């Protein structure tokens, strides 16, 4: 199965899909106490149309943020080109793959598929199918909630070990 994977932490690869990472620290960035309030029903950065324009550009998703109990959102939008590294995009199976330290949720276009392992903890790899048949020009908003753990005694900071956008064909 032919496969092309773009490293979304690499500026040249991000340019191929017009992507730029933004990072907002906190469960609800910009809110008092980083949005950590009892019985909050949802965090707005998961939504596809959330305005992250005031967030910092994140040049290196591997850079550790803070220490101890920490939340942050990493967001990017990818736009599919006609081809990637010589592989036609049309009809390719499209995957987003990552590993976050420690707990992660992956929201795509404001949705989460709880049945496919998009919510994991303790540094587990995540692989989410964005499309079984990609279409050039399609856009995907990827929002990753990252938290440090274990919650009662977290160690170190939070970061994304890697993030790839993979195209696979059956040819």
C-alpha atoms as a PDB file:
ATOM      1  CA  UNK A   1       0.000   0.000   0.000  1.00  0.00           C
ATOM      2  CA  UNK A   2       1.678   3.260  -1.065  1.00  0.00           C
ATOM      3  CA  UNK A   3       1.856   5.795   1.743  1.00  0.00           C
ATOM      4  CA  UNK A   4       3.006   9.398   2.028  1.00  0.00           C
ATOM      5  CA  UNK A   5       3.183  10.956   5.490  1.00  0.00           C
ATOM      6  CA  UNK A   6       3.692  14.653   6.130  1.00  0.00           C
ATOM      7  CA  UNK A   7       5.363  15.687   9.372  1.00  0.00           C
ATOM      8  CA  UNK A   8       3.088  18.454  10.654  1.00  0.00           C
ATOM      9  CA  UNK A   9       5.892  19.701  12.905  1.00  0.00           C
ATOM     10  CA  UNK A  10       8.020  20.410   9.811  1.00  0.00           C
ATOM     11  CA  UNK A  11       7.456  23.818   8.171  1.00  0.00           C
ATOM     12  CA  UNK A  12       8.038  22.532   4.619  1.00  0.00           C
ATOM     13  CA  UNK A  13       5.535  19.689   5.068  1.00  0.00           C
ATOM     14  CA  UNK A  14       2.974  22.028   6.692  1.00  0.00           C
ATOM     15  CA  UNK A  15       3.191  24.329   3.649  1.00  0.00           C
ATOM     16  CA  UNK A  16       2.075  21.460   1.415  1.00  0.00           C
ATOM     17  CA  UNK A  17      -1.310  21.484   3.182  1.00  0.00           C
ATOM     18  CA  UNK A  18      -1.378  25.193   4.173  1.00  0.00           C
ATOM     19  CA  UNK A  19      -1.202  24.288   7.863  1.00  0.00           C
ATOM     20  CA  UNK A  20      -0.049  26.297  10.865  1.00  0.00           C
ATOM     21  CA  UNK A  21      -0.262  25.159  14.472  1.00  0.00           C
ATOM     22  CA  UNK A  22      -1.778  27.496  17.064  1.00  0.00           C
ATOM     23  CA  UNK A  23      -1.642  26.832  20.788  1.00  0.00           C
ATOM     24  CA  UNK A  24      -3.909  28.122  23.537  1.00  0.00           C
ATOM     25  CA  UNK A  25      -2.987  27.282  27.101  1.00  0.00           C
ATOM     26  CA  UNK A  26      -5.763  26.234  29.449  1.00  0.00           C
ATOM     27  CA  UNK A  27      -8.894  24.126  29.252  1.00  0.00           C
ATOM     28  CA  UNK A  28     -10.665  27.252  27.971  1.00  0.00           C
ATOM     29  CA  UNK A  29      -7.808  29.543  26.893  1.00  0.00           C
ATOM     30  CA  UNK A  30      -8.186  33.168  27.933  1.00  0.00           C
ATOM     31  CA  UNK A  31     -10.739  32.449  30.650  1.00  0.00           C
ATOM     32  CA  UNK A  32     -10.048  32.992  34.372  1.00  0.00           C
ATOM     33  CA  UNK A  33      -8.429  29.979  35.982  1.00  0.00           C
ATOM     34  CA  UNK A  34      -7.787  28.690  32.419  1.00  0.00           C
ATOM     35  CA  UNK A  35     -11.483  27.818  32.218  1.00  0.00           C
ATOM     36  CA  UNK A  36     -11.292  25.167  34.922  1.00  0.00           C
ATOM     37  CA  UNK A  37     -14.650  25.403  36.608  1.00  0.00           C
ATOM     38  CA  UNK A  38     -16.778  22.721  38.182  1.00  0.00           C
ATOM     39  CA  UNK A  39     -19.385  21.141  35.941  1.00  0.00           C
ATOM     40  CA  UNK A  40     -18.358  22.934  32.750  1.00  0.00           C
ATOM     41  CA  UNK A  41     -20.150  21.019  29.982  1.00  0.00           C
ATOM     42  CA  UNK A  42     -17.778  21.702  27.073  1.00  0.00           C
ATOM     43  CA  UNK A  43     -14.684  23.601  25.990  1.00  0.00           C
ATOM     44  CA  UNK A  44     -15.239  25.867  22.948  1.00  0.00           C
ATOM     45  CA  UNK A  45     -11.856  25.319  21.195  1.00  0.00           C
ATOM     46  CA  UNK A  46     -13.085  21.895  20.068  1.00  0.00           C
ATOM     47  CA  UNK A  47     -15.474  23.574  17.611  1.00  0.00           C
ATOM     48  CA  UNK A  48     -14.395  23.938  13.971  1.00  0.00           C
ATOM     49  CA  UNK A  49     -15.398  27.608  13.802  1.00  0.00           C
ATOM     50  CA  UNK A  50     -13.703  28.637  17.074  1.00  0.00           C
ATOM     51  CA  UNK A  51     -11.659  31.835  16.664  1.00  0.00           C
ATOM     52  CA  UNK A  52      -8.064  31.012  17.586  1.00  0.00           C
ATOM     53  CA  UNK A  53      -6.606  34.076  15.821  1.00  0.00           C
ATOM     54  CA  UNK A  54      -5.306  35.556  19.100  1.00  0.00           C
ATOM     55  CA  UNK A  55      -3.448  32.360  20.004  1.00  0.00           C
ATOM     56  CA  UNK A  56       0.297  32.012  19.626  1.00  0.00           C
ATOM     57  CA  UNK A  57       1.709  30.317  16.560  1.00  0.00           C
ATOM     58  CA  UNK A  58       3.396  27.117  17.646  1.00  0.00           C
ATOM     59  CA  UNK A  59       6.567  26.544  15.619  1.00  0.00           C
ATOM     60  CA  UNK A  60       7.491  23.369  17.520  1.00  0.00           C
ATOM     61  CA  UNK A  61       4.748  21.117  18.903  1.00  0.00           C
ATOM     62  CA  UNK A  62       7.443  19.144  20.745  1.00  0.00           C
ATOM     63  CA  UNK A  63       8.283  22.089  22.993  1.00  0.00           C
ATOM     64  CA  UNK A  64       7.096  21.392  26.525  1.00  0.00           C
ATOM     65  CA  UNK A  65       4.565  23.811  28.030  1.00  0.00           C
ATOM     66  CA  UNK A  66       4.480  24.522  31.747  1.00  0.00           C
ATOM     67  CA  UNK A  67       4.819  21.958  34.499  1.00  0.00           C
ATOM     68  CA  UNK A  68       2.373  20.206  36.753  1.00  0.00           C
ATOM     69  CA  UNK A  69      -1.357  20.223  36.121  1.00  0.00           C
ATOM     70  CA  UNK A  70      -1.619  21.795  32.673  1.00  0.00           C
ATOM     71  CA  UNK A  71      -4.091  21.860  29.775  1.00  0.00           C
ATOM     72  CA  UNK A  72      -3.641  23.304  26.287  1.00  0.00           C
ATOM     73  CA  UNK A  73      -5.295  23.145  22.893  1.00  0.00           C
ATOM     74  CA  UNK A  74      -3.262  22.684  19.724  1.00  0.00           C
ATOM     75  CA  UNK A  75      -5.201  23.591  16.567  1.00  0.00           C
ATOM     76  CA  UNK A  76      -4.476  23.510  12.865  1.00  0.00           C
ATOM     77  CA  UNK A  77      -6.388  23.513   9.606  1.00  0.00           C
ATOM     78  CA  UNK A  78      -5.131  21.427   6.699  1.00  0.00           C
ATOM     79  CA  UNK A  79      -6.215  21.921   3.094  1.00  0.00           C
ATOM     80  CA  UNK A  80      -5.664  18.993   0.750  1.00  0.00           C
ATOM     81  CA  UNK A  81      -3.659  19.685  -2.428  1.00  0.00           C
ATOM     82  CA  UNK A  82      -3.936  17.811  -5.739  1.00  0.00           C
ATOM     83  CA  UNK A  83      -0.891  15.717  -4.899  1.00  0.00           C
ATOM     84  CA  UNK A  84       1.566  15.172  -2.068  1.00  0.00           C
ATOM     85  CA  UNK A  85       5.155  14.208  -2.849  1.00  0.00           C
ATOM     86  CA  UNK A  86       4.056  12.899  -6.238  1.00  0.00           C
ATOM     87  CA  UNK A  87       1.075  10.891  -4.922  1.00  0.00           C
ATOM     88  CA  UNK A  88      -2.373  11.971  -6.157  1.00  0.00           C
ATOM     89  CA  UNK A  89      -4.582  12.886  -3.204  1.00  0.00           C
ATOM     90  CA  UNK A  90      -7.917  12.079  -4.890  1.00  0.00           C
ATOM     91  CA  UNK A  91      -9.400   8.947  -3.326  1.00  0.00           C
ATOM     92  CA  UNK A  92      -6.531   8.355  -0.880  1.00  0.00           C
ATOM     93  CA  UNK A  93      -7.339   7.227   2.626  1.00  0.00           C
ATOM     94  CA  UNK A  94      -6.444  10.115   4.939  1.00  0.00           C
ATOM     95  CA  UNK A  95      -5.180   9.762   8.500  1.00  0.00           C
ATOM     96  CA  UNK A  96      -4.134  12.099  11.299  1.00  0.00           C
ATOM     97  CA  UNK A  97      -1.634  10.443  13.627  1.00  0.00           C
ATOM     98  CA  UNK A  98      -0.230  11.812  16.871  1.00  0.00           C
ATOM     99  CA  UNK A  99       1.054  11.044  20.324  1.00  0.00           C
ATOM    100  CA  UNK A 100       0.608  13.564  23.111  1.00  0.00           C
ATOM    101  CA  UNK A 101       2.040  13.797  26.592  1.00  0.00           C
ATOM    102  CA  UNK A 102       0.015  12.618  28.605  1.00  0.00           C
ATOM    103  CA  UNK A 103      -3.710  12.685  27.808  1.00  0.00           C
ATOM    104  CA  UNK A 104      -5.185  13.654  24.458  1.00  0.00           C
ATOM    105  CA  UNK A 105      -8.475  14.190  22.671  1.00  0.00           C
ATOM    106  CA  UNK A 106      -8.659  14.707  18.917  1.00  0.00           C
ATOM    107  CA  UNK A 107     -11.530  16.746  17.499  1.00  0.00           C
ATOM    108  CA  UNK A 108     -11.930  16.951  13.720  1.00  0.00           C
ATOM    109  CA  UNK A 109     -14.210  19.625  12.288  1.00  0.00           C
ATOM    110  CA  UNK A 110     -15.787  20.019  15.718  1.00  0.00           C
ATOM    111  CA  UNK A 111     -16.583  16.324  16.094  1.00  0.00           C
ATOM    112  CA  UNK A 112     -15.100  13.478  18.081  1.00  0.00           C
ATOM    113  CA  UNK A 113     -15.639   9.807  17.329  1.00  0.00           C
ATOM    114  CA  UNK A 114     -15.575   8.220  20.755  1.00  0.00           C
ATOM    115  CA  UNK A 115     -15.655   4.694  19.293  1.00  0.00           C
ATOM    116  CA  UNK A 116     -12.332   4.872  17.420  1.00  0.00           C
ATOM    117  CA  UNK A 117      -9.782   5.609  20.121  1.00  0.00           C
ATOM    118  CA  UNK A 118      -9.554   9.371  19.766  1.00  0.00           C
ATOM    119  CA  UNK A 119      -9.520   9.813  23.528  1.00  0.00           C
ATOM    120  CA  UNK A 120      -6.436   8.245  25.084  1.00  0.00           C
ATOM    121  CA  UNK A 121      -4.075   8.733  27.961  1.00  0.00           C
ATOM    122  CA  UNK A 122      -0.593   8.063  29.200  1.00  0.00           C
ATOM    123  CA  UNK A 123       1.233   8.707  25.935  1.00  0.00           C
ATOM    124  CA  UNK A 124      -0.706   6.287  23.719  1.00  0.00           C
ATOM    125  CA  UNK A 125      -0.468   6.770  19.941  1.00  0.00           C
ATOM    126  CA  UNK A 126      -3.618   7.976  18.204  1.00  0.00           C
ATOM    127  CA  UNK A 127      -4.605   7.336  14.580  1.00  0.00           C
ATOM    128  CA  UNK A 128      -7.793   8.946  13.307  1.00  0.00           C
ATOM    129  CA  UNK A 129      -9.238   8.445   9.849  1.00  0.00           C
ATOM    130  CA  UNK A 130     -10.151  11.834   8.406  1.00  0.00           C
ATOM    131  CA  UNK A 131     -11.490  10.418   5.138  1.00  0.00           C
ATOM    132  CA  UNK A 132     -11.768   7.014   3.444  1.00  0.00           C
ATOM    133  CA  UNK A 133     -11.503   8.829   0.085  1.00  0.00           C
ATOM    134  CA  UNK A 134      -9.798  12.232   0.148  1.00  0.00           C
ATOM    135  CA  UNK A 135     -10.824  15.099  -2.133  1.00  0.00           C
ATOM    136  CA  UNK A 136      -8.362  17.851  -3.094  1.00  0.00           C
ATOM    137  CA  UNK A 137      -9.445  21.212  -1.713  1.00  0.00           C
ATOM    138  CA  UNK A 138     -11.103  19.667   1.355  1.00  0.00           C
ATOM    139  CA  UNK A 139     -10.259  21.296   4.678  1.00  0.00           C
ATOM    140  CA  UNK A 140     -10.014  19.678   8.089  1.00  0.00           C
ATOM    141  CA  UNK A 141      -9.832  21.578  11.370  1.00  0.00           C
ATOM    142  CA  UNK A 142      -7.896  19.457  13.848  1.00  0.00           C
ATOM    143  CA  UNK A 143      -8.122  20.444  17.522  1.00  0.00           C
ATOM    144  CA  UNK A 144      -6.119  18.472  20.072  1.00  0.00           C
ATOM    145  CA  UNK A 145      -6.767  18.868  23.785  1.00  0.00           C
ATOM    146  CA  UNK A 146      -3.663  17.897  25.745  1.00  0.00           C
ATOM    147  CA  UNK A 147      -3.452  17.479  29.521  1.00  0.00           C
ATOM    148  CA  UNK A 148      -0.742  16.374  31.870  1.00  0.00           C
ATOM    149  CA  UNK A 149      -1.108  13.439  34.178  1.00  0.00           C
ATOM    150  CA  UNK A 150      -1.601  11.629  36.301  1.00  0.00           C
ATOM    151  CA  UNK A 151      -3.978  14.371  37.408  1.00  0.00           C
ATOM    152  CA  UNK A 152      -3.319  13.983  41.143  1.00  0.00           C
ATOM    153  CA  UNK A 153       0.482  14.260  40.687  1.00  0.00           C
ATOM    154  CA  UNK A 154       1.419  15.334  37.149  1.00  0.00           C
ATOM    155  CA  UNK A 155       5.028  15.322  36.051  1.00  0.00           C
ATOM    156  CA  UNK A 156       6.711  17.523  33.498  1.00  0.00           C
ATOM    157  CA  UNK A 157       4.973  19.622  30.878  1.00  0.00           C
ATOM    158  CA  UNK A 158       2.699  18.868  27.955  1.00  0.00           C
ATOM    159  CA  UNK A 159       3.582  18.574  24.283  1.00  0.00           C
ATOM    160  CA  UNK A 160       2.872  16.594  21.140  1.00  0.00           C
ATOM    161  CA  UNK A 161       5.547  13.982  20.369  1.00  0.00           C
ATOM    162  CA  UNK A 162       4.587  13.975  16.703  1.00  0.00           C
ATOM    163  CA  UNK A 163       1.750  14.817  14.340  1.00  0.00           C
ATOM    164  CA  UNK A 164       1.499  13.396  10.842  1.00  0.00           C
ATOM    165  CA  UNK A 165      -0.986  13.628   8.019  1.00  0.00           C
ATOM    166  CA  UNK A 166      -0.817  10.352   6.115  1.00  0.00           C
ATOM    167  CA  UNK A 167      -2.175   9.534   2.661  1.00  0.00           C
ATOM    168  CA  UNK A 168      -2.582   5.860   1.734  1.00  0.00           C
ATOM    169  CA  UNK A 169      -3.696   4.320  -1.543  1.00  0.00           C
ATOM    170  CA  UNK A 170      -4.373   0.750  -2.628  1.00  0.00           C
ATOM    171  CA  UNK A 171      -2.433   1.158  -5.892  1.00  0.00           C
END
